[in-house]
Every structure is written in C-alpha cells, then in structure tokens.
Amino acid sequence: MRRLLSFSSRLLVPAAMALAVAACSSNIAHRGYLAKPGAFAQVREGMAKSEVEGILGSPSTTASVNYQGDSYYYISSTTEQRAFLNPKEVERQVIAIRFDQNDQVANLGQYGLEDGKVIDINSRTTPSKGRELTIIQQLFGNIGKPGPGGTIVPGRTPGSTGPGKNPGTPN
C-alpha cells in the first residue's frame, strides 16, 4: 500500500507542475493580412494598382479620400492571451498605399502599434456633471439641510398654507 501511495505521489507532483506551467503559457494569435517576406519592399511609387494587387494580394480594406484616388490598407495584428486574462495586442502593422487618379502608386507608408491612437467610439458610459459621492456622503449628506420649500408635510405642496390648499385660493 505504501509503495502505491509513494508511486502515485511521485507522478502527481510532476503532473501538477506541468499543468501549472501549461496554464501560464500564452496563446499567440495572428489576425489579418499575412505578408510574404520582402513583398512590401517590391512596391514602388508609380506602379499600377494591378501590379500592387499582384504582389501583395487583395487589401484588408480600401478607401476613397476626396475623390483624388483610392487607398489600399493591409492590416495585420498579433495578440497574446495568458490563461483567463483578456487578449492584449502586442504588434500591429498597417501598410497604406495611396493611388492617384490614374491608379498609380502616389505614396506608401508603414505604421505600427506605436503610431496608433486609441479612440473610444462607444464606451457605453454617460458622463455626468457634478462630483462623485461616496456611499457615506449619499446616506448622510442631507442631514440638517431642508429641501427647497422647507420641511415636507404630507398633503402640502411647498408654499401652501394648509393641506391641499394653495395661497390665494378661497377657503
């Protein structure tokens, strides 16, 4: 019996350690455009749009700006996720190619994660004016401070002389 427990405990410790190491390893995911090595270096100003498509393939997205020509964008990103945490983007590459009205490459650029700005389009929060109150301030904030019109008496509206009566109305 002792030998069986000793044998199983020897297997249990390495198995637990392997499981702990596997849980801490990260998952790396590549999304978007995957460029062939050296493909971007082949694109030059003055090339035709069809040549660019032949070298780089279909773009991730296109845009027409001010009707002066099209733009092609090749976008790729790499995310890393550890255990149960949210994925974090560790690398982003955007290749922007702008064409003139004759569908020739006018200029090109390459941008990374450090070139981007975070724009919160929809944060699902409503900004409110004023100050943030703690729970204690909310509970005890009105002690000793009557509301507008003095104390509240059931059946009386602020400024009235009696229950349900307003000043200036006949009795």
C-alpha atoms as a PDB file:
ATOM      1  CA  MET A   1       0.000   0.000   0.000  1.00  0.00           C
ATOM      2  CA  ARG A   2       2.819   2.376   0.900  1.00  0.00           C
ATOM      3  CA  ARG A   3       4.568   1.719  -2.383  1.00  0.00           C
ATOM      4  CA  LEU A   4       1.398   2.532  -4.296  1.00  0.00           C
ATOM      5  CA  LEU A   5       0.985   5.871  -2.456  1.00  0.00           C
ATOM      6  CA  SER A   6       4.633   6.718  -2.925  1.00  0.00           C
ATOM      7  CA  PHE A   7       4.456   5.884  -6.652  1.00  0.00           C
ATOM      8  CA  SER A   8       1.270   7.917  -7.185  1.00  0.00           C
ATOM      9  CA  SER A   9       2.638  10.922  -5.279  1.00  0.00           C
ATOM     10  CA  ARG A  10       5.765  10.847  -7.449  1.00  0.00           C
ATOM     11  CA  LEU A  11       3.546  11.076 -10.527  1.00  0.00           C
ATOM     12  CA  LEU A  12       1.152  13.626  -9.048  1.00  0.00           C
ATOM     13  CA  VAL A  13       3.749  16.330  -8.326  1.00  0.00           C
ATOM     14  CA  PRO A  14       5.230  16.435 -11.858  1.00  0.00           C
ATOM     15  CA  ALA A  15       1.742  16.311 -13.379  1.00  0.00           C
ATOM     16  CA  ALA A  16       0.623  19.260 -11.219  1.00  0.00           C
ATOM     17  CA  MET A  17       3.749  21.216 -12.162  1.00  0.00           C
ATOM     18  CA  ALA A  18       3.204  20.523 -15.861  1.00  0.00           C
ATOM     19  CA  LEU A  19      -0.407  21.674 -15.562  1.00  0.00           C
ATOM     20  CA  ALA A  20       0.665  24.897 -13.798  1.00  0.00           C
ATOM     21  CA  VAL A  21       3.248  25.658 -16.481  1.00  0.00           C
ATOM     22  CA  ALA A  22       0.733  24.961 -19.262  1.00  0.00           C
ATOM     23  CA  ALA A  23      -1.808  27.301 -17.651  1.00  0.00           C
ATOM     24  CA  CYS A  24       0.722  30.151 -17.551  1.00  0.00           C
ATOM     25  CA  SER A  25       1.794  29.793 -21.171  1.00  0.00           C
ATOM     26  CA  SER A  26       0.397  32.322 -23.595  1.00  0.00           C
ATOM     27  CA  ASN A  27      -1.672  31.815 -26.720  1.00  0.00           C
ATOM     28  CA  ILE A  28      -0.448  33.909 -29.637  1.00  0.00           C
ATOM     29  CA  ALA A  29      -2.889  34.647 -32.452  1.00  0.00           C
ATOM     30  CA  HIS A  30      -2.101  36.304 -35.786  1.00  0.00           C
ATOM     31  CA  ARG A  31      -5.000  38.085 -37.473  1.00  0.00           C
ATOM     32  CA  GLY A  32      -5.451  39.940 -40.711  1.00  0.00           C
ATOM     33  CA  TYR A  33      -3.072  40.204 -43.646  1.00  0.00           C
ATOM     34  CA  LEU A  34      -0.004  37.956 -43.593  1.00  0.00           C
ATOM     35  CA  ALA A  35       2.602  39.446 -45.895  1.00  0.00           C
ATOM     36  CA  LYS A  36       5.135  37.396 -47.771  1.00  0.00           C
ATOM     37  CA  PRO A  37       8.681  38.268 -46.688  1.00  0.00           C
ATOM     38  CA  GLY A  38      10.017  41.133 -48.814  1.00  0.00           C
ATOM     39  CA  ALA A  39       6.713  41.789 -50.594  1.00  0.00           C
ATOM     40  CA  PHE A  40       6.321  45.333 -49.280  1.00  0.00           C
ATOM     41  CA  ALA A  41       9.835  46.257 -50.470  1.00  0.00           C
ATOM     42  CA  GLN A  42       8.806  45.438 -54.063  1.00  0.00           C
ATOM     43  CA  VAL A  43       6.147  48.191 -54.177  1.00  0.00           C
ATOM     44  CA  ARG A  44       7.419  51.461 -55.683  1.00  0.00           C
ATOM     45  CA  GLU A  45       5.863  54.820 -56.486  1.00  0.00           C
ATOM     46  CA  GLY A  46       4.400  54.919 -59.988  1.00  0.00           C
ATOM     47  CA  MET A  47       3.389  51.229 -60.056  1.00  0.00           C
ATOM     48  CA  ALA A  48      -0.052  50.363 -61.385  1.00  0.00           C
ATOM     49  CA  LYS A  49      -2.805  49.230 -58.995  1.00  0.00           C
ATOM     50  CA  SER A  50      -2.949  45.828 -60.718  1.00  0.00           C
ATOM     51  CA  GLU A  51       0.777  45.293 -60.117  1.00  0.00           C
ATOM     52  CA  VAL A  52       0.352  46.093 -56.418  1.00  0.00           C
ATOM     53  CA  GLU A  53      -2.516  43.601 -56.181  1.00  0.00           C
ATOM     54  CA  GLY A  54      -0.336  41.017 -57.925  1.00  0.00           C
ATOM     55  CA  ILE A  55       2.474  41.472 -55.386  1.00  0.00           C
ATOM     56  CA  LEU A  56       0.531  41.991 -52.139  1.00  0.00           C
ATOM     57  CA  GLY A  57      -2.834  40.436 -52.969  1.00  0.00           C
ATOM     58  CA  SER A  58      -6.239  41.823 -52.001  1.00  0.00           C
ATOM     59  CA  PRO A  59      -6.162  44.593 -49.393  1.00  0.00           C
ATOM     60  CA  SER A  60      -7.775  44.305 -45.968  1.00  0.00           C
ATOM     61  CA  THR A  61      -9.774  47.453 -46.682  1.00  0.00           C
ATOM     62  CA  THR A  62      -9.937  50.294 -49.209  1.00  0.00           C
ATOM     63  CA  ALA A  63     -10.875  53.961 -49.052  1.00  0.00           C
ATOM     64  CA  SER A  64     -11.539  56.828 -51.425  1.00  0.00           C
ATOM     65  CA  VAL A  65     -10.452  60.156 -49.948  1.00  0.00           C
ATOM     66  CA  ASN A  66     -11.584  63.439 -51.503  1.00  0.00           C
ATOM     67  CA  TYR A  67     -12.050  61.683 -54.859  1.00  0.00           C
ATOM     68  CA  GLN A  68      -8.328  62.078 -55.558  1.00  0.00           C
ATOM     69  CA  GLY A  69      -7.689  58.365 -55.782  1.00  0.00           C
ATOM     70  CA  ASP A  70      -8.054  55.151 -53.871  1.00  0.00           C
ATOM     71  CA  SER A  71      -6.115  53.891 -50.888  1.00  0.00           C
ATOM     72  CA  TYR A  72      -5.332  50.301 -50.037  1.00  0.00           C
ATOM     73  CA  TYR A  73      -4.710  49.206 -46.460  1.00  0.00           C
ATOM     74  CA  TYR A  74      -3.112  45.899 -45.494  1.00  0.00           C
ATOM     75  CA  ILE A  75      -3.684  45.363 -41.766  1.00  0.00           C
ATOM     76  CA  SER A  76      -2.291  42.642 -39.520  1.00  0.00           C
ATOM     77  CA  SER A  77      -2.137  42.236 -35.751  1.00  0.00           C
ATOM     78  CA  THR A  78      -0.715  39.822 -33.218  1.00  0.00           C
ATOM     79  CA  THR A  79      -2.473  39.244 -29.902  1.00  0.00           C
ATOM     80  CA  GLU A  80      -1.305  37.391 -26.826  1.00  0.00           C
ATOM     81  CA  GLN A  81      -3.544  35.862 -24.167  1.00  0.00           C
ATOM     82  CA  ARG A  82      -2.422  34.374 -20.877  1.00  0.00           C
ATOM     83  CA  ALA A  83      -4.677  31.923 -19.038  1.00  0.00           C
ATOM     84  CA  PHE A  84      -8.091  33.536 -18.422  1.00  0.00           C
ATOM     85  CA  LEU A  85      -6.979  37.168 -18.935  1.00  0.00           C
ATOM     86  CA  ASN A  86      -8.219  39.320 -21.813  1.00  0.00           C
ATOM     87  CA  PRO A  87      -6.128  39.207 -25.001  1.00  0.00           C
ATOM     88  CA  LYS A  88      -3.584  42.009 -25.404  1.00  0.00           C
ATOM     89  CA  GLU A  89      -2.439  43.301 -28.782  1.00  0.00           C
ATOM     90  CA  VAL A  90       1.359  43.113 -28.862  1.00  0.00           C
ATOM     91  CA  GLU A  91       2.005  44.006 -32.506  1.00  0.00           C
ATOM     92  CA  ARG A  92       0.118  45.777 -35.282  1.00  0.00           C
ATOM     93  CA  GLN A  93       1.229  46.557 -38.808  1.00  0.00           C
ATOM     94  CA  VAL A  94      -0.660  48.746 -41.265  1.00  0.00           C
ATOM     95  CA  ILE A  95       0.617  49.177 -44.817  1.00  0.00           C
ATOM     96  CA  ALA A  96      -1.067  52.141 -46.508  1.00  0.00           C
ATOM     97  CA  ILE A  97      -0.767  52.574 -50.263  1.00  0.00           C
ATOM     98  CA  ARG A  98      -2.339  55.649 -51.848  1.00  0.00           C
ATOM     99  CA  PHE A  99      -3.101  55.844 -55.547  1.00  0.00           C
ATOM    100  CA  ASP A 100      -3.578  58.925 -57.716  1.00  0.00           C
ATOM    101  CA  GLN A 101      -6.451  59.452 -60.183  1.00  0.00           C
ATOM    102  CA  ASN A 102      -4.592  57.371 -62.811  1.00  0.00           C
ATOM    103  CA  ASP A 103      -4.416  54.337 -60.458  1.00  0.00           C
ATOM    104  CA  GLN A 104      -0.645  54.726 -59.997  1.00  0.00           C
ATOM    105  CA  VAL A 105       1.016  54.495 -56.572  1.00  0.00           C
ATOM    106  CA  ALA A 106       1.336  58.074 -55.284  1.00  0.00           C
ATOM    107  CA  ASN A 107       2.869  57.244 -51.887  1.00  0.00           C
ATOM    108  CA  LEU A 108       3.071  54.458 -49.369  1.00  0.00           C
ATOM    109  CA  GLY A 109       3.616  54.127 -45.658  1.00  0.00           C
ATOM    110  CA  GLN A 110       4.068  51.542 -42.975  1.00  0.00           C
ATOM    111  CA  TYR A 111       2.685  52.083 -39.484  1.00  0.00           C
ATOM    112  CA  GLY A 112       2.979  50.118 -36.261  1.00  0.00           C
ATOM    113  CA  LEU A 113       1.253  49.836 -32.912  1.00  0.00           C
ATOM    114  CA  GLU A 114       3.174  52.819 -31.552  1.00  0.00           C
ATOM    115  CA  ASP A 115       1.786  55.058 -34.345  1.00  0.00           C
ATOM    116  CA  GLY A 116      -1.856  54.447 -33.415  1.00  0.00           C
ATOM    117  CA  LYS A 117      -4.198  56.315 -31.106  1.00  0.00           C
ATOM    118  CA  VAL A 118      -6.931  54.742 -29.013  1.00  0.00           C
ATOM    119  CA  ILE A 119     -10.304  56.247 -29.884  1.00  0.00           C
ATOM    120  CA  ASP A 120     -13.192  55.223 -27.676  1.00  0.00           C
ATOM    121  CA  ILE A 121     -16.106  55.359 -30.094  1.00  0.00           C
ATOM    122  CA  ASN A 122     -18.673  53.832 -27.753  1.00  0.00           C
ATOM    123  CA  SER A 123     -17.671  53.394 -24.132  1.00  0.00           C
ATOM    124  CA  ARG A 124     -21.283  52.823 -23.018  1.00  0.00           C
ATOM    125  CA  THR A 125     -20.849  55.346 -20.205  1.00  0.00           C
ATOM    126  CA  THR A 126     -22.737  58.589 -19.813  1.00  0.00           C
ATOM    127  CA  PRO A 127     -20.673  61.458 -18.455  1.00  0.00           C
ATOM    128  CA  SER A 128     -22.427  63.297 -15.641  1.00  0.00           C
ATOM    129  CA  LYS A 129     -21.813  66.773 -14.344  1.00  0.00           C
ATOM    130  CA  GLY A 130     -21.037  67.264 -10.696  1.00  0.00           C
ATOM    131  CA  ARG A 131     -18.945  65.346  -8.248  1.00  0.00           C
ATOM    132  CA  GLU A 132     -18.724  61.708  -7.266  1.00  0.00           C
ATOM    133  CA  LEU A 133     -20.155  60.986  -3.807  1.00  0.00           C
ATOM    134  CA  THR A 134     -19.142  58.158  -1.520  1.00  0.00           C
ATOM    135  CA  ILE A 135     -21.815  55.888  -0.044  1.00  0.00           C
ATOM    136  CA  ILE A 136     -21.487  57.650   3.336  1.00  0.00           C
ATOM    137  CA  GLN A 137     -21.942  61.083   1.699  1.00  0.00           C
ATOM    138  CA  GLN A 138     -25.004  59.783  -0.117  1.00  0.00           C
ATOM    139  CA  LEU A 139     -26.564  58.378   3.067  1.00  0.00           C
ATOM    140  CA  PHE A 140     -25.842  61.273   5.419  1.00  0.00           C
ATOM    141  CA  GLY A 141     -25.417  64.208   3.007  1.00  0.00           C
ATOM    142  CA  ASN A 142     -28.843  65.804   3.592  1.00  0.00           C
ATOM    143  CA  ILE A 143     -28.888  65.647   7.388  1.00  0.00           C
ATOM    144  CA  GLY A 144     -29.669  69.138   8.669  1.00  0.00           C
ATOM    145  CA  LYS A 145     -30.307  70.517   5.186  1.00  0.00           C
ATOM    146  CA  PRO A 146     -34.008  71.003   4.394  1.00  0.00           C
ATOM    147  CA  GLY A 147     -35.001  70.776   0.771  1.00  0.00           C
ATOM    148  CA  PRO A 148     -36.437  73.737  -1.169  1.00  0.00           C
ATOM    149  CA  GLY A 149     -39.633  74.993   0.482  1.00  0.00           C
ATOM    150  CA  GLY A 150     -38.741  73.790   3.971  1.00  0.00           C
ATOM    151  CA  THR A 151     -39.905  70.565   5.552  1.00  0.00           C
ATOM    152  CA  ILE A 152     -42.152  68.175   3.695  1.00  0.00           C
ATOM    153  CA  VAL A 153     -45.606  67.590   5.188  1.00  0.00           C
ATOM    154  CA  PRO A 154     -47.875  65.001   3.563  1.00  0.00           C
ATOM    155  CA  GLY A 155     -50.654  66.638   1.567  1.00  0.00           C
ATOM    156  CA  ARG A 156     -48.994  70.035   1.472  1.00  0.00           C
ATOM    157  CA  THR A 157     -47.172  71.423  -1.511  1.00  0.00           C
ATOM    158  CA  PRO A 158     -44.293  73.866  -0.975  1.00  0.00           C
ATOM    159  CA  GLY A 159     -45.651  77.382  -0.378  1.00  0.00           C
ATOM    160  CA  SER A 160     -49.205  76.269   0.507  1.00  0.00           C
ATOM    161  CA  THR A 161     -50.994  77.325   3.707  1.00  0.00           C
ATOM    162  CA  GLY A 162     -52.709  74.083   4.529  1.00  0.00           C
ATOM    163  CA  PRO A 163     -53.284  70.529   3.414  1.00  0.00           C
ATOM    164  CA  GLY A 164     -54.134  70.596  -0.290  1.00  0.00           C
ATOM    165  CA  LYS A 165     -54.655  74.383  -0.342  1.00  0.00           C
ATOM    166  CA  ASN A 166     -52.597  76.967  -2.127  1.00  0.00           C
ATOM    167  CA  PRO A 167     -52.242  80.646  -1.160  1.00  0.00           C
ATOM    168  CA  GLY A 168     -54.678  82.888  -2.972  1.00  0.00           C
ATOM    169  CA  THR A 169     -57.432  80.280  -3.283  1.00  0.00           C
ATOM    170  CA  PRO A 170     -60.703  80.843  -1.372  1.00  0.00           C
ATOM    171  CA  ASN A 171     -61.457  78.602   1.613  1.00  0.00           C
END
